C-alpha cells in the first residue's frame, strides 16, 4: 500500500517534469521557427531591394 502511494507520487512528479520540459522545448522550437521565418523573409526582401 505504502509503495503504491510512493510510486504514484513519483509518477506525478515525473509527468510534471516531463510536461515542463516539453513546454520549454516547444517554446524553443517556436522561437526558432519564428527566427527562421524572419530570416527567410529578410533574405527575400534584401534580394528584391538589390
C-alpha atoms as a PDB file:
ATOM      1  CA  UNK A   1       0.000   0.000   0.000  1.00  0.00           C
ATOM      2  CA  UNK A   2       2.691   2.450   1.010  1.00  0.00           C
ATOM      3  CA  UNK A   3       4.799   1.553  -2.004  1.00  0.00           C
ATOM      4  CA  UNK A   4       1.831   2.180  -4.238  1.00  0.00           C
ATOM      5  CA  UNK A   5       1.354   5.696  -2.862  1.00  0.00           C
ATOM      6  CA  UNK A   6       5.019   6.455  -3.240  1.00  0.00           C
ATOM      7  CA  UNK A   7       5.019   5.217  -6.801  1.00  0.00           C
ATOM      8  CA  UNK A   8       2.017   7.369  -7.648  1.00  0.00           C
ATOM      9  CA  UNK A   9       3.705  10.449  -6.217  1.00  0.00           C
ATOM     10  CA  UNK A  10       6.886   9.750  -8.133  1.00  0.00           C
ATOM     11  CA  UNK A  11       4.935   9.222 -11.315  1.00  0.00           C
ATOM     12  CA  UNK A  12       3.118  12.513 -10.852  1.00  0.00           C
ATOM     13  CA  UNK A  13       6.409  14.302 -10.301  1.00  0.00           C
ATOM     14  CA  UNK A  14       7.923  12.667 -13.352  1.00  0.00           C
ATOM     15  CA  UNK A  15       4.977  13.641 -15.512  1.00  0.00           C
ATOM     16  CA  UNK A  16       5.136  17.188 -14.200  1.00  0.00           C
ATOM     17  CA  UNK A  17       8.826  17.454 -15.018  1.00  0.00           C
ATOM     18  CA  UNK A  18       8.327  15.915 -18.409  1.00  0.00           C
ATOM     19  CA  UNK A  19       5.500  18.290 -19.217  1.00  0.00           C
ATOM     20  CA  UNK A  20       7.579  21.264 -18.157  1.00  0.00           C
ATOM     21  CA  UNK A  21      10.466  20.166 -20.316  1.00  0.00           C
ATOM     22  CA  UNK A  22       8.173  19.562 -23.285  1.00  0.00           C
ATOM     23  CA  UNK A  23       6.674  23.002 -22.863  1.00  0.00           C
ATOM     24  CA  UNK A  24      10.099  24.582 -22.805  1.00  0.00           C
ATOM     25  CA  UNK A  25      11.198  22.586 -25.829  1.00  0.00           C
ATOM     26  CA  UNK A  26       8.065  23.596 -27.662  1.00  0.00           C
ATOM     27  CA  UNK A  27       8.636  27.247 -26.857  1.00  0.00           C
ATOM     28  CA  UNK A  28      12.205  26.982 -28.085  1.00  0.00           C
ATOM     29  CA  UNK A  29      11.086  25.349 -31.290  1.00  0.00           C
ATOM     30  CA  UNK A  30       8.518  28.050 -31.872  1.00  0.00           C
ATOM     31  CA  UNK A  31      11.179  30.682 -31.289  1.00  0.00           C
ATOM     32  CA  UNK A  32      13.469  29.010 -33.783  1.00  0.00           C
ATOM     33  CA  UNK A  33      10.664  28.727 -36.295  1.00  0.00           C
ATOM     34  CA  UNK A  34       9.869  32.413 -35.973  1.00  0.00           C
ATOM     35  CA  UNK A  35      13.520  33.303 -36.296  1.00  0.00           C
ATOM     36  CA  UNK A  36      13.816  31.123 -39.357  1.00  0.00           C
ATOM     37  CA  UNK A  37      10.761  32.708 -40.955  1.00  0.00           C
ATOM     38  CA  UNK A  38      12.116  36.173 -40.226  1.00  0.00           C
ATOM     39  CA  UNK A  39      15.465  35.254 -41.722  1.00  0.00           C
ATOM     40  CA  UNK A  40      13.949  33.902 -44.904  1.00  0.00           C
ATOM     41  CA  UNK A  41      11.702  36.964 -45.142  1.00  0.00           C
ATOM     42  CA  UNK A  42      14.687  39.241 -44.718  1.00  0.00           C
ATOM     43  CA  UNK A  43      16.576  37.397 -47.406  1.00  0.00           C
ATOM     44  CA  UNK A  44      13.687  37.756 -49.793  1.00  0.00           C
ATOM     45  CA  UNK A  45      13.312  41.482 -49.193  1.00  0.00           C
ATOM     46  CA  UNK A  46      17.040  42.143 -49.481  1.00  0.00           C
ATOM     47  CA  UNK A  47      17.103  40.263 -52.796  1.00  0.00           C
ATOM     48  CA  UNK A  48      14.274  42.366 -54.211  1.00  0.00           C
ATOM     49  CA  UNK A  49      15.912  45.547 -52.946  1.00  0.00           C
ATOM     50  CA  UNK A  50      19.102  44.862 -54.887  1.00  0.00           C
END
